C-alpha cells in the first residue's frame, strides 16, 4: 500500500508512527511545502500536486494546520482515494461544498477523533446503548488543560492554538468532547454557547468555551479551557437512579458510590494506532467509516453555528 500525508507536525508524526507499527511495508510519501522541509527516514518527499499525481495512493492523510484543511481537502479529493482527516475538518463552516463533493463521489473518509477509541468512552457508549430504557436527567462534560505545556520548545503564544486565523481556539482544539457526545447521544435539538478569552494566558484565541446541548429529555453541559494547570477531563451522566463518571485521564468509569465499573491500562497514545488500524481495515474492504466528513461537519456545526 502507498500512503500520502500532508502535514508532518507533532500529530502527523503520530499518524506515521501508527502506520509503521501496524504495517511497516506501507510506503509513506509526504507532500511538503518547501524544499527546506525536514527529511525523515523512509518517507519520500513530494513538493507539488503534479508529483503527487504521478502516484496511485491507497489513502491520504491530512494533518496540516486546521486553516489549511479546506485547500488540502479540495486538492486530495480529486485523487478519489480514501481520506484520513485530522479533526476538525476546518475552522469555518464554509467547507460545505467540499463535504457535498466527497459525499456525492462516495469517497471513503474518516475524521480523526481518536477519543472514540478510548476504552472508557467506548464502555460508556455501550452502557448507554444497552440501557436505552434508563432515564438520563443530565450530562456534564469538562476538559481543562494547560496550553503552555502542550508543545515542547515552542512559545505557546506563537502556536496555531493561540492564533484564531490559523484555526486556534479551545472550542476547536477540544472538539473531541462535542464529538463523543454526538457519537453517543446523537444530534441535539438546540445548542447554546459562550466563548471568551479573559484568562491569564492573554492569547487572542478563545481559551474558554461553555456549551449547553439540548436533547429531548435532558441537557448536556460542556466546559472547555486552556488554562487549567492540574488537568481534568471527565464525563458525568446523571441517571434517575445513579450517576456514572468517566475519567478520561485515568481511563476509568466509576458510579456515584465510588465503585470502579471499568478500568483500562490503555493510554491516549494507543488510540492513534487503534484508529489508524480501523481506518486501514475500512480502506481494504472499501467501506465507509463511523465518522465520515459528513458526520464531522454536523459536529462542526454544533461547535460553531
C-alpha atoms as a PDB file:
ATOM      1  CA  UNK A   1       0.000   0.000   0.000  1.00  0.00           C
ATOM      2  CA  UNK A   2       1.009   3.612  -0.588  1.00  0.00           C
ATOM      3  CA  UNK A   3       0.005   6.429   1.772  1.00  0.00           C
ATOM      4  CA  UNK A   4       0.315  10.178   1.283  1.00  0.00           C
ATOM      5  CA  UNK A   5       0.498  12.536   4.251  1.00  0.00           C
ATOM      6  CA  UNK A   6       0.095  16.312   4.210  1.00  0.00           C
ATOM      7  CA  UNK A   7       1.446  17.864   7.398  1.00  0.00           C
ATOM      8  CA  UNK A   8       4.317  16.334   9.371  1.00  0.00           C
ATOM      9  CA  UNK A   9       3.951  18.194  12.643  1.00  0.00           C
ATOM     10  CA  UNK A  10       3.511  16.511  16.017  1.00  0.00           C
ATOM     11  CA  UNK A  11       0.150  14.958  15.105  1.00  0.00           C
ATOM     12  CA  UNK A  12       1.297  13.918  11.646  1.00  0.00           C
ATOM     13  CA  UNK A  13       4.279  12.096  13.143  1.00  0.00           C
ATOM     14  CA  UNK A  14       1.931  10.195  15.471  1.00  0.00           C
ATOM     15  CA  UNK A  15      -0.030   9.016  12.439  1.00  0.00           C
ATOM     16  CA  UNK A  16       3.194   7.929  10.709  1.00  0.00           C
ATOM     17  CA  UNK A  17       4.267   6.026  13.833  1.00  0.00           C
ATOM     18  CA  UNK A  18       0.847   4.368  13.952  1.00  0.00           C
ATOM     19  CA  UNK A  19       1.113   3.231  10.324  1.00  0.00           C
ATOM     20  CA  UNK A  20       4.595   1.818  10.862  1.00  0.00           C
ATOM     21  CA  UNK A  21       3.516  -0.092  13.961  1.00  0.00           C
ATOM     22  CA  UNK A  22       0.621  -1.645  12.026  1.00  0.00           C
ATOM     23  CA  UNK A  23       2.352  -2.479   8.742  1.00  0.00           C
ATOM     24  CA  UNK A  24       5.921  -1.415   8.036  1.00  0.00           C
ATOM     25  CA  UNK A  25       5.557  -2.381   4.371  1.00  0.00           C
ATOM     26  CA  UNK A  26       3.250   0.585   3.699  1.00  0.00           C
ATOM     27  CA  UNK A  27       5.143   3.146   1.621  1.00  0.00           C
ATOM     28  CA  UNK A  28       4.754   6.656   3.050  1.00  0.00           C
ATOM     29  CA  UNK A  29       5.016   9.806   0.941  1.00  0.00           C
ATOM     30  CA  UNK A  30       4.738  13.374   2.225  1.00  0.00           C
ATOM     31  CA  UNK A  31       3.573  16.452   0.322  1.00  0.00           C
ATOM     32  CA  UNK A  32       5.896  19.152   1.669  1.00  0.00           C
ATOM     33  CA  UNK A  33       5.540  22.905   1.456  1.00  0.00           C
ATOM     34  CA  UNK A  34       9.209  23.594   0.767  1.00  0.00           C
ATOM     35  CA  UNK A  35      12.471  22.006  -0.345  1.00  0.00           C
ATOM     36  CA  UNK A  36      13.803  23.166   3.021  1.00  0.00           C
ATOM     37  CA  UNK A  37      11.357  20.916   4.890  1.00  0.00           C
ATOM     38  CA  UNK A  38      12.967  18.427   7.257  1.00  0.00           C
ATOM     39  CA  UNK A  39      13.550  14.973   5.822  1.00  0.00           C
ATOM     40  CA  UNK A  40      12.531  11.821   7.683  1.00  0.00           C
ATOM     41  CA  UNK A  41      13.777   8.276   7.254  1.00  0.00           C
ATOM     42  CA  UNK A  42      11.693   6.071   4.961  1.00  0.00           C
ATOM     43  CA  UNK A  43       9.412   8.952   3.922  1.00  0.00           C
ATOM     44  CA  UNK A  44       9.557  10.113   0.306  1.00  0.00           C
ATOM     45  CA  UNK A  45       9.117  13.875  -0.011  1.00  0.00           C
ATOM     46  CA  UNK A  46       6.987  15.335  -2.798  1.00  0.00           C
ATOM     47  CA  UNK A  47       6.766  19.064  -3.451  1.00  0.00           C
ATOM     48  CA  UNK A  48       3.787  19.605  -5.745  1.00  0.00           C
ATOM     49  CA  UNK A  49       0.444  18.135  -6.728  1.00  0.00           C
ATOM     50  CA  UNK A  50       1.987  17.361 -10.118  1.00  0.00           C
ATOM     51  CA  UNK A  51       4.370  14.983  -8.358  1.00  0.00           C
ATOM     52  CA  UNK A  52       1.526  13.577  -6.266  1.00  0.00           C
ATOM     53  CA  UNK A  53      -0.467  12.826  -9.402  1.00  0.00           C
ATOM     54  CA  UNK A  54       2.318  10.551 -10.658  1.00  0.00           C
ATOM     55  CA  UNK A  55       1.407   8.001  -7.972  1.00  0.00           C
ATOM     56  CA  UNK A  56      -1.671   5.933  -7.155  1.00  0.00           C
ATOM     57  CA  UNK A  57      -2.218   6.248  -3.415  1.00  0.00           C
ATOM     58  CA  UNK A  58      -4.316   3.829  -1.396  1.00  0.00           C
ATOM     59  CA  UNK A  59      -5.151   6.594   1.068  1.00  0.00           C
ATOM     60  CA  UNK A  60      -4.128  10.099   2.092  1.00  0.00           C
ATOM     61  CA  UNK A  61      -3.797  11.759   5.490  1.00  0.00           C
ATOM     62  CA  UNK A  62      -4.485  15.449   6.098  1.00  0.00           C
ATOM     63  CA  UNK A  63      -2.780  16.595   9.296  1.00  0.00           C
ATOM     64  CA  UNK A  64      -1.575  20.099   8.489  1.00  0.00           C
ATOM     65  CA  UNK A  65      -2.844  23.196  10.384  1.00  0.00           C
ATOM     66  CA  UNK A  66      -6.638  23.448  10.518  1.00  0.00           C
ATOM     67  CA  UNK A  67      -6.640  26.632   8.435  1.00  0.00           C
ATOM     68  CA  UNK A  68      -5.077  24.653   5.552  1.00  0.00           C
ATOM     69  CA  UNK A  69      -7.549  21.759   5.641  1.00  0.00           C
ATOM     70  CA  UNK A  70     -10.013  23.121   3.097  1.00  0.00           C
ATOM     71  CA  UNK A  71      -7.314  23.596   0.456  1.00  0.00           C
ATOM     72  CA  UNK A  72      -5.883  20.135   1.121  1.00  0.00           C
ATOM     73  CA  UNK A  73      -9.316  18.508   1.017  1.00  0.00           C
ATOM     74  CA  UNK A  74     -10.015  20.216  -2.318  1.00  0.00           C
ATOM     75  CA  UNK A  75      -6.741  19.003  -3.807  1.00  0.00           C
ATOM     76  CA  UNK A  76      -6.747  15.472  -2.443  1.00  0.00           C
ATOM     77  CA  UNK A  77     -10.419  14.730  -3.070  1.00  0.00           C
ATOM     78  CA  UNK A  78      -9.556  14.952  -6.770  1.00  0.00           C
ATOM     79  CA  UNK A  79      -7.446  11.809  -6.275  1.00  0.00           C
ATOM     80  CA  UNK A  80     -10.649   9.928  -5.328  1.00  0.00           C
ATOM     81  CA  UNK A  81      -8.704   7.927  -2.744  1.00  0.00           C
ATOM     82  CA  UNK A  82      -9.810   7.429   0.885  1.00  0.00           C
ATOM     83  CA  UNK A  83      -9.061  10.405   3.132  1.00  0.00           C
ATOM     84  CA  UNK A  84      -7.997  10.341   6.782  1.00  0.00           C
ATOM     85  CA  UNK A  85      -8.588  13.906   8.022  1.00  0.00           C
ATOM     86  CA  UNK A  86      -7.323  15.167  11.357  1.00  0.00           C
ATOM     87  CA  UNK A  87     -10.028  16.862  13.395  1.00  0.00           C
ATOM     88  CA  UNK A  88     -11.530  19.375  12.977  1.00  0.00           C
ATOM     89  CA  UNK A  89     -12.218  19.349   9.269  1.00  0.00           C
ATOM     90  CA  UNK A  90     -11.970  23.176   9.202  1.00  0.00           C
ATOM     91  CA  UNK A  91     -12.398  26.204  11.461  1.00  0.00           C
ATOM     92  CA  UNK A  92     -15.282  27.689   9.463  1.00  0.00           C
ATOM     93  CA  UNK A  93     -18.500  26.200   8.079  1.00  0.00           C
ATOM     94  CA  UNK A  94     -17.587  27.345   4.559  1.00  0.00           C
ATOM     95  CA  UNK A  95     -16.403  23.827   3.710  1.00  0.00           C
ATOM     96  CA  UNK A  96     -19.905  22.584   2.908  1.00  0.00           C
ATOM     97  CA  UNK A  97     -19.300  22.315  -0.854  1.00  0.00           C
ATOM     98  CA  UNK A  98     -16.255  20.106  -0.278  1.00  0.00           C
ATOM     99  CA  UNK A  99     -18.296  17.885   2.043  1.00  0.00           C
ATOM    100  CA  UNK A 100     -21.013  17.541  -0.605  1.00  0.00           C
ATOM    101  CA  UNK A 101     -18.472  16.741  -3.333  1.00  0.00           C
ATOM    102  CA  UNK A 102     -16.829  13.989  -1.289  1.00  0.00           C
ATOM    103  CA  UNK A 103     -20.176  12.518  -0.270  1.00  0.00           C
ATOM    104  CA  UNK A 104     -21.603  12.547  -3.798  1.00  0.00           C
ATOM    105  CA  UNK A 105     -18.454  10.867  -5.143  1.00  0.00           C
ATOM    106  CA  UNK A 106     -18.550   8.139  -2.475  1.00  0.00           C
ATOM    107  CA  UNK A 107     -15.019   8.875  -1.294  1.00  0.00           C
ATOM    108  CA  UNK A 108     -14.222   6.992   1.911  1.00  0.00           C
ATOM    109  CA  UNK A 109     -13.419   9.402   4.735  1.00  0.00           C
ATOM    110  CA  UNK A 110     -12.519   9.183   8.385  1.00  0.00           C
ATOM    111  CA  UNK A 111     -12.178  12.271  10.573  1.00  0.00           C
ATOM    112  CA  UNK A 112      -9.692  11.519  13.318  1.00  0.00           C
ATOM    113  CA  UNK A 113     -11.465  11.890  16.639  1.00  0.00           C
ATOM    114  CA  UNK A 114      -9.341   9.349  18.471  1.00  0.00           C
ATOM    115  CA  UNK A 115     -11.202   9.729  21.784  1.00  0.00           C
ATOM    116  CA  UNK A 116     -13.893   7.499  20.252  1.00  0.00           C
ATOM    117  CA  UNK A 117     -11.301   4.726  20.636  1.00  0.00           C
ATOM    118  CA  UNK A 118     -10.646   5.407  24.323  1.00  0.00           C
ATOM    119  CA  UNK A 119     -11.903   2.297  26.083  1.00  0.00           C
ATOM    120  CA  UNK A 120     -13.654   4.145  28.918  1.00  0.00           C
ATOM    121  CA  UNK A 121     -15.669   6.186  26.397  1.00  0.00           C
ATOM    122  CA  UNK A 122     -16.458   3.017  24.437  1.00  0.00           C
ATOM    123  CA  UNK A 123     -17.650   1.446  27.705  1.00  0.00           C
ATOM    124  CA  UNK A 124     -19.936   4.441  28.346  1.00  0.00           C
ATOM    125  CA  UNK A 125     -21.410   4.221  24.849  1.00  0.00           C
ATOM    126  CA  UNK A 126     -22.131   0.505  25.290  1.00  0.00           C
ATOM    127  CA  UNK A 127     -23.741   1.233  28.665  1.00  0.00           C
ATOM    128  CA  UNK A 128     -25.981   3.935  27.171  1.00  0.00           C
ATOM    129  CA  UNK A 129     -26.901   1.757  24.176  1.00  0.00           C
ATOM    130  CA  UNK A 130     -27.645  -1.237  26.401  1.00  0.00           C
ATOM    131  CA  UNK A 131     -29.809   0.734  28.837  1.00  0.00           C
ATOM    132  CA  UNK A 132     -31.996   2.699  26.456  1.00  0.00           C
ATOM    133  CA  UNK A 133     -34.826   2.484  28.994  1.00  0.00           C
ATOM    134  CA  UNK A 134     -32.846   4.258  31.715  1.00  0.00           C
ATOM    135  CA  UNK A 135     -33.792   7.901  32.176  1.00  0.00           C
ATOM    136  CA  UNK A 136     -30.972  10.413  31.820  1.00  0.00           C
ATOM    137  CA  UNK A 137     -31.519  13.689  33.670  1.00  0.00           C
ATOM    138  CA  UNK A 138     -28.259  15.458  32.905  1.00  0.00           C
ATOM    139  CA  UNK A 139     -24.833  15.104  31.292  1.00  0.00           C
ATOM    140  CA  UNK A 140     -21.799  17.158  32.345  1.00  0.00           C
ATOM    141  CA  UNK A 141     -18.546  17.223  30.391  1.00  0.00           C
ATOM    142  CA  UNK A 142     -15.371  19.032  31.407  1.00  0.00           C
ATOM    143  CA  UNK A 143     -11.923  19.322  29.861  1.00  0.00           C
ATOM    144  CA  UNK A 144      -9.424  21.661  31.469  1.00  0.00           C
ATOM    145  CA  UNK A 145      -5.860  21.614  30.174  1.00  0.00           C
ATOM    146  CA  UNK A 146      -2.805  23.901  30.158  1.00  0.00           C
ATOM    147  CA  UNK A 147      -1.873  25.173  26.700  1.00  0.00           C
ATOM    148  CA  UNK A 148       1.691  26.336  27.604  1.00  0.00           C
ATOM    149  CA  UNK A 149       2.626  22.701  28.279  1.00  0.00           C
ATOM    150  CA  UNK A 150       1.186  21.275  25.060  1.00  0.00           C
ATOM    151  CA  UNK A 151       4.253  21.639  22.862  1.00  0.00           C
ATOM    152  CA  UNK A 152       7.875  21.453  23.983  1.00  0.00           C
ATOM    153  CA  UNK A 153      10.354  24.108  22.836  1.00  0.00           C
ATOM    154  CA  UNK A 154       7.618  26.335  21.421  1.00  0.00           C
ATOM    155  CA  UNK A 155       6.210  29.581  22.782  1.00  0.00           C
ATOM    156  CA  UNK A 156       2.534  28.766  23.273  1.00  0.00           C
ATOM    157  CA  UNK A 157       1.518  32.246  22.095  1.00  0.00           C
ATOM    158  CA  UNK A 158       3.107  31.512  18.714  1.00  0.00           C
ATOM    159  CA  UNK A 159       1.468  28.124  18.128  1.00  0.00           C
ATOM    160  CA  UNK A 160      -1.655  27.801  15.987  1.00  0.00           C
ATOM    161  CA  UNK A 161      -3.822  27.064  19.042  1.00  0.00           C
ATOM    162  CA  UNK A 162      -3.350  30.654  20.226  1.00  0.00           C
ATOM    163  CA  UNK A 163      -3.981  32.241  16.823  1.00  0.00           C
ATOM    164  CA  UNK A 164      -7.603  32.444  15.567  1.00  0.00           C
ATOM    165  CA  UNK A 165      -6.571  32.883  11.936  1.00  0.00           C
ATOM    166  CA  UNK A 166      -4.781  29.526  11.975  1.00  0.00           C
ATOM    167  CA  UNK A 167      -7.800  27.715  13.368  1.00  0.00           C
ATOM    168  CA  UNK A 168      -6.858  28.094  17.011  1.00  0.00           C
ATOM    169  CA  UNK A 169      -9.196  28.193  19.979  1.00  0.00           C
ATOM    170  CA  UNK A 170     -10.227  25.797  22.704  1.00  0.00           C
ATOM    171  CA  UNK A 171     -13.653  25.272  21.103  1.00  0.00           C
ATOM    172  CA  UNK A 172     -11.911  23.860  18.000  1.00  0.00           C
ATOM    173  CA  UNK A 173      -8.912  22.147  19.622  1.00  0.00           C
ATOM    174  CA  UNK A 174     -11.083  20.266  22.116  1.00  0.00           C
ATOM    175  CA  UNK A 175     -13.898  19.445  19.713  1.00  0.00           C
ATOM    176  CA  UNK A 176     -13.394  15.840  20.893  1.00  0.00           C
ATOM    177  CA  UNK A 177     -15.813  16.489  23.753  1.00  0.00           C
ATOM    178  CA  UNK A 178     -18.575  17.599  21.388  1.00  0.00           C
ATOM    179  CA  UNK A 179     -17.765  14.735  19.045  1.00  0.00           C
ATOM    180  CA  UNK A 180     -18.089  11.925  21.549  1.00  0.00           C
ATOM    181  CA  UNK A 181     -21.364  13.343  22.904  1.00  0.00           C
ATOM    182  CA  UNK A 182     -22.650  13.458  19.317  1.00  0.00           C
ATOM    183  CA  UNK A 183     -21.465   9.863  18.827  1.00  0.00           C
ATOM    184  CA  UNK A 184     -23.164   8.621  21.986  1.00  0.00           C
ATOM    185  CA  UNK A 185     -26.342  10.726  22.097  1.00  0.00           C
ATOM    186  CA  UNK A 186     -26.811  11.963  18.542  1.00  0.00           C
ATOM    187  CA  UNK A 187     -27.723  15.384  17.208  1.00  0.00           C
ATOM    188  CA  UNK A 188     -29.008  17.833  19.854  1.00  0.00           C
ATOM    189  CA  UNK A 189     -32.182  19.815  19.234  1.00  0.00           C
ATOM    190  CA  UNK A 190     -30.629  23.158  20.188  1.00  0.00           C
ATOM    191  CA  UNK A 191     -27.177  24.458  21.099  1.00  0.00           C
ATOM    192  CA  UNK A 192     -26.245  27.428  23.291  1.00  0.00           C
ATOM    193  CA  UNK A 193     -22.663  28.607  23.688  1.00  0.00           C
ATOM    194  CA  UNK A 194     -20.355  31.150  25.308  1.00  0.00           C
ATOM    195  CA  UNK A 195     -16.774  31.768  24.121  1.00  0.00           C
ATOM    196  CA  UNK A 196     -14.232  34.081  25.774  1.00  0.00           C
ATOM    197  CA  UNK A 197     -10.508  34.803  26.198  1.00  0.00           C
ATOM    198  CA  UNK A 198     -10.325  36.504  29.579  1.00  0.00           C
ATOM    199  CA  UNK A 199      -7.781  34.286  31.311  1.00  0.00           C
ATOM    200  CA  UNK A 200      -4.223  34.952  32.474  1.00  0.00           C
ATOM    201  CA  UNK A 201      -2.898  33.314  29.285  1.00  0.00           C
ATOM    202  CA  UNK A 202      -3.592  36.566  27.428  1.00  0.00           C
ATOM    203  CA  UNK A 203      -3.980  34.968  23.993  1.00  0.00           C
ATOM    204  CA  UNK A 204      -6.072  36.059  21.009  1.00  0.00           C
ATOM    205  CA  UNK A 205      -7.965  32.806  20.503  1.00  0.00           C
ATOM    206  CA  UNK A 206     -10.770  31.639  22.772  1.00  0.00           C
ATOM    207  CA  UNK A 207      -9.383  29.969  25.895  1.00  0.00           C
ATOM    208  CA  UNK A 208     -12.809  29.187  27.386  1.00  0.00           C
ATOM    209  CA  UNK A 209     -15.902  27.616  25.850  1.00  0.00           C
ATOM    210  CA  UNK A 210     -19.193  26.706  27.502  1.00  0.00           C
ATOM    211  CA  UNK A 211     -21.889  24.755  25.654  1.00  0.00           C
ATOM    212  CA  UNK A 212     -25.361  23.609  26.577  1.00  0.00           C
ATOM    213  CA  UNK A 213     -26.738  20.982  24.195  1.00  0.00           C
ATOM    214  CA  UNK A 214     -30.488  20.468  24.485  1.00  0.00           C
ATOM    215  CA  UNK A 215     -31.770  16.936  23.924  1.00  0.00           C
ATOM    216  CA  UNK A 216     -35.453  15.917  24.143  1.00  0.00           C
ATOM    217  CA  UNK A 217     -35.260  14.681  27.761  1.00  0.00           C
ATOM    218  CA  UNK A 218     -32.016  16.138  29.153  1.00  0.00           C
ATOM    219  CA  UNK A 219     -29.360  18.809  28.730  1.00  0.00           C
ATOM    220  CA  UNK A 220     -25.640  18.199  28.198  1.00  0.00           C
ATOM    221  CA  UNK A 221     -23.225  20.826  29.524  1.00  0.00           C
ATOM    222  CA  UNK A 222     -19.674  21.143  28.198  1.00  0.00           C
ATOM    223  CA  UNK A 223     -16.901  23.323  29.648  1.00  0.00           C
ATOM    224  CA  UNK A 224     -13.530  23.572  27.884  1.00  0.00           C
ATOM    225  CA  UNK A 225     -10.463  25.633  28.780  1.00  0.00           C
ATOM    226  CA  UNK A 226      -6.761  26.115  28.011  1.00  0.00           C
ATOM    227  CA  UNK A 227      -5.637  27.484  31.395  1.00  0.00           C
ATOM    228  CA  UNK A 228      -6.029  24.703  33.972  1.00  0.00           C
ATOM    229  CA  UNK A 229      -2.623  23.571  35.262  1.00  0.00           C
ATOM    230  CA  UNK A 230      -3.958  20.476  37.031  1.00  0.00           C
ATOM    231  CA  UNK A 231      -5.556  18.822  34.014  1.00  0.00           C
ATOM    232  CA  UNK A 232      -9.033  17.416  34.451  1.00  0.00           C
ATOM    233  CA  UNK A 233     -11.184  15.602  31.902  1.00  0.00           C
ATOM    234  CA  UNK A 234     -14.422  13.820  32.677  1.00  0.00           C
ATOM    235  CA  UNK A 235     -17.925  12.980  31.513  1.00  0.00           C
ATOM    236  CA  UNK A 236     -20.684  12.602  34.101  1.00  0.00           C
ATOM    237  CA  UNK A 237     -24.039  11.042  33.238  1.00  0.00           C
ATOM    238  CA  UNK A 238     -26.774  11.584  35.830  1.00  0.00           C
ATOM    239  CA  UNK A 239     -29.403   8.845  35.551  1.00  0.00           C
ATOM    240  CA  UNK A 240     -32.630   8.806  37.560  1.00  0.00           C
ATOM    241  CA  UNK A 241     -31.201   6.192  39.938  1.00  0.00           C
ATOM    242  CA  UNK A 242     -27.420   6.733  39.889  1.00  0.00           C
ATOM    243  CA  UNK A 243     -24.588   8.751  38.401  1.00  0.00           C
ATOM    244  CA  UNK A 244     -21.696   7.474  36.312  1.00  0.00           C
ATOM    245  CA  UNK A 245     -18.407   9.334  35.877  1.00  0.00           C
ATOM    246  CA  UNK A 246     -15.869   8.643  33.138  1.00  0.00           C
ATOM    247  CA  UNK A 247     -12.368   9.881  33.997  1.00  0.00           C
ATOM    248  CA  UNK A 248     -10.736  10.184  30.590  1.00  0.00           C
ATOM    249  CA  UNK A 249      -7.254  10.811  32.002  1.00  0.00           C
ATOM    250  CA  UNK A 250      -7.359   7.646  34.124  1.00  0.00           C
ATOM    251  CA  UNK A 251      -9.402   5.739  31.516  1.00  0.00           C
ATOM    252  CA  UNK A 252     -11.834   4.549  34.159  1.00  0.00           C
ATOM    253  CA  UNK A 253     -15.569   4.588  34.907  1.00  0.00           C
ATOM    254  CA  UNK A 254     -16.982   4.956  38.426  1.00  0.00           C
ATOM    255  CA  UNK A 255     -20.508   5.033  39.826  1.00  0.00           C
ATOM    256  CA  UNK A 256     -21.822   7.526  42.377  1.00  0.00           C
ATOM    257  CA  UNK A 257     -20.666   5.279  45.237  1.00  0.00           C
ATOM    258  CA  UNK A 258     -17.077   5.430  44.018  1.00  0.00           C
ATOM    259  CA  UNK A 259     -17.136   1.825  42.820  1.00  0.00           C
ATOM    260  CA  UNK A 260     -14.996   1.131  39.758  1.00  0.00           C
ATOM    261  CA  UNK A 261     -17.218  -0.140  36.946  1.00  0.00           C
ATOM    262  CA  UNK A 262     -14.436  -0.222  34.359  1.00  0.00           C
ATOM    263  CA  UNK A 263     -10.718   0.470  34.188  1.00  0.00           C
ATOM    264  CA  UNK A 264      -8.156   0.154  31.408  1.00  0.00           C
ATOM    265  CA  UNK A 265      -4.380   0.405  31.102  1.00  0.00           C
ATOM    266  CA  UNK A 266      -4.791   1.792  27.585  1.00  0.00           C
ATOM    267  CA  UNK A 267      -3.078   5.169  27.093  1.00  0.00           C
ATOM    268  CA  UNK A 268      -4.260   8.039  24.902  1.00  0.00           C
ATOM    269  CA  UNK A 269      -1.334   7.429  22.547  1.00  0.00           C
ATOM    270  CA  UNK A 270      -2.657   3.895  21.965  1.00  0.00           C
ATOM    271  CA  UNK A 271      -5.826   5.323  20.425  1.00  0.00           C
ATOM    272  CA  UNK A 272      -3.804   6.671  17.486  1.00  0.00           C
ATOM    273  CA  UNK A 273      -2.819   3.155  16.491  1.00  0.00           C
ATOM    274  CA  UNK A 274      -6.340   1.837  17.130  1.00  0.00           C
ATOM    275  CA  UNK A 275      -7.986   4.430  14.888  1.00  0.00           C
ATOM    276  CA  UNK A 276      -5.391   4.001  12.133  1.00  0.00           C
ATOM    277  CA  UNK A 277      -5.866   0.232  12.195  1.00  0.00           C
ATOM    278  CA  UNK A 278      -9.624   0.764  11.964  1.00  0.00           C
ATOM    279  CA  UNK A 279      -9.231   3.153   9.023  1.00  0.00           C
ATOM    280  CA  UNK A 280      -6.843   0.897   7.099  1.00  0.00           C
ATOM    281  CA  UNK A 281      -9.197  -2.049   7.610  1.00  0.00           C
ATOM    282  CA  UNK A 282     -12.066   0.028   6.174  1.00  0.00           C
ATOM    283  CA  UNK A 283      -9.900   1.023   3.216  1.00  0.00           C
ATOM    284  CA  UNK A 284      -9.057  -2.611   2.492  1.00  0.00           C
ATOM    285  CA  UNK A 285     -12.731  -3.610   2.323  1.00  0.00           C
ATOM    286  CA  UNK A 286     -13.751  -0.314   0.668  1.00  0.00           C
ATOM    287  CA  UNK A 287     -16.333   0.536   3.330  1.00  0.00           C
ATOM    288  CA  UNK A 288     -17.039   3.963   4.812  1.00  0.00           C
ATOM    289  CA  UNK A 289     -16.284   4.736   8.451  1.00  0.00           C
ATOM    290  CA  UNK A 290     -18.309   5.658  11.526  1.00  0.00           C
ATOM    291  CA  UNK A 291     -17.030   9.236  11.421  1.00  0.00           C
ATOM    292  CA  UNK A 292     -17.269  10.456   7.853  1.00  0.00           C
ATOM    293  CA  UNK A 293     -16.644  14.008   6.729  1.00  0.00           C
ATOM    294  CA  UNK A 294     -20.419  14.471   6.666  1.00  0.00           C
ATOM    295  CA  UNK A 295     -20.731  13.391  10.318  1.00  0.00           C
ATOM    296  CA  UNK A 296     -17.801  15.630  11.248  1.00  0.00           C
ATOM    297  CA  UNK A 297     -19.492  18.560   9.517  1.00  0.00           C
ATOM    298  CA  UNK A 298     -22.533  18.027  11.742  1.00  0.00           C
ATOM    299  CA  UNK A 299     -20.231  18.201  14.772  1.00  0.00           C
ATOM    300  CA  UNK A 300     -18.560  21.337  13.390  1.00  0.00           C
ATOM    301  CA  UNK A 301     -21.982  22.978  13.090  1.00  0.00           C
ATOM    302  CA  UNK A 302     -22.680  22.216  16.759  1.00  0.00           C
ATOM    303  CA  UNK A 303     -19.306  23.762  17.579  1.00  0.00           C
ATOM    304  CA  UNK A 304     -19.621  26.934  15.503  1.00  0.00           C
ATOM    305  CA  UNK A 305     -23.189  27.595  14.371  1.00  0.00           C
END
